[in-house]
Amino acid sequence: MITHSFFKHGSVNKEGKSKLYLRITIARKLKYYELLYVDSARWDKSKNRMKTVDETGAKINSFLNGKAKEVDNVII
């Protein structure tokens, strides 16, 4: 079974941003791919997306949706 999700690292840099990873699980083995830095305070953990307060959050969410589609296409 193959699954994927986005994972925000807990540590925050001086700018208040955390690394965001794409986590893929294949046969119970995890693989992480570093994507970008996100504003830690604006990350919605329950939705695994940015809170869309402004255009930046919407662009990041669009990027994440694209990455999720890419993974889904590979799985299919």
Protein backbone atom coordinates (compact mmCIF):
# COMPACT_ATOMS: atom_id res chain seq x y z
CA MET A 1 0.00 0.00 0.00
CA ILE A 2 1.23 3.48 -0.88
CA THR A 3 0.12 6.62 0.95
CA HIS A 4 1.30 10.22 1.04
CA SER A 5 0.87 13.28 3.23
CA PHE A 6 2.55 16.57 4.02
CA PHE A 7 4.57 16.88 7.21
CA LYS A 8 5.77 20.13 8.82
CA HIS A 9 8.91 19.77 10.88
CA GLY A 10 8.54 20.99 14.44
CA SER A 11 11.62 23.22 14.59
CA VAL A 12 11.25 26.87 13.60
CA ASN A 13 14.04 29.05 12.18
CA LYS A 14 14.71 32.71 13.05
CA GLU A 15 12.17 33.86 10.45
CA GLY A 16 9.38 31.77 12.03
CA LYS A 17 9.37 29.21 9.22
CA SER A 18 9.53 25.42 9.29
CA LYS A 19 10.51 22.88 6.66
CA LEU A 20 7.65 21.18 4.89
CA TYR A 21 8.11 17.63 3.67
CA LEU A 22 6.20 15.25 1.44
CA ARG A 23 5.99 11.95 3.31
CA ILE A 24 5.45 8.82 1.20
CA THR A 25 4.82 5.44 2.79
CA ILE A 26 5.45 2.31 0.72
CA ALA A 27 5.07 -1.07 2.43
CA ARG A 28 5.49 0.55 5.87
CA LYS A 29 8.72 2.27 4.87
CA LEU A 30 8.78 6.06 5.08
CA LYS A 31 10.50 8.38 2.64
CA TYR A 32 10.64 12.16 3.14
CA TYR A 33 11.14 14.77 0.42
CA GLU A 34 11.88 18.34 1.47
CA LEU A 35 9.66 20.77 -0.40
CA LEU A 36 9.88 24.29 0.99
CA TYR A 37 9.69 26.48 4.10
CA VAL A 38 6.31 27.60 5.39
CA ASP A 39 5.19 30.11 8.00
CA SER A 40 4.77 27.88 11.02
CA ALA A 41 2.00 29.99 12.58
CA ARG A 42 -0.16 29.78 9.43
CA TRP A 43 0.05 26.02 8.93
CA ASP A 44 -3.25 24.22 9.51
CA LYS A 45 -2.23 20.83 10.89
CA SER A 46 -5.72 19.31 10.62
CA LYS A 47 -5.99 20.10 6.89
CA ASN A 48 -2.27 19.75 6.08
CA ARG A 49 -2.46 23.02 4.19
CA MET A 50 -1.74 26.70 4.73
CA LYS A 51 -4.41 28.99 6.13
CA THR A 52 -5.34 31.06 3.08
CA VAL A 53 -5.24 34.53 4.58
CA ASP A 54 -3.42 36.01 1.58
CA GLU A 55 -2.19 35.16 -1.88
CA THR A 56 0.97 33.45 -0.59
CA GLY A 57 -1.02 30.83 1.32
CA ALA A 58 -3.16 30.16 -1.74
CA LYS A 59 -0.07 29.74 -3.95
CA ILE A 60 1.52 27.32 -1.50
CA ASN A 61 -1.71 25.29 -1.30
CA SER A 62 -1.88 25.18 -5.08
CA PHE A 63 1.73 23.93 -5.18
CA LEU A 64 0.91 21.24 -2.58
CA ASN A 65 -2.17 20.15 -4.53
CA GLY A 66 -0.01 19.78 -7.63
CA LYS A 67 2.54 17.66 -5.78
CA ALA A 68 -0.25 15.45 -4.38
CA LYS A 69 -1.61 14.95 -7.92
CA GLU A 70 1.85 14.00 -9.17
CA VAL A 71 2.17 11.34 -6.48
CA ASP A 72 -1.35 10.07 -7.19
CA ASN A 73 -0.50 9.74 -10.89
CA VAL A 74 2.60 7.71 -10.09
CA ILE A 75 0.59 5.47 -7.75
CA ILE A 76 -2.07 4.86 -10.39
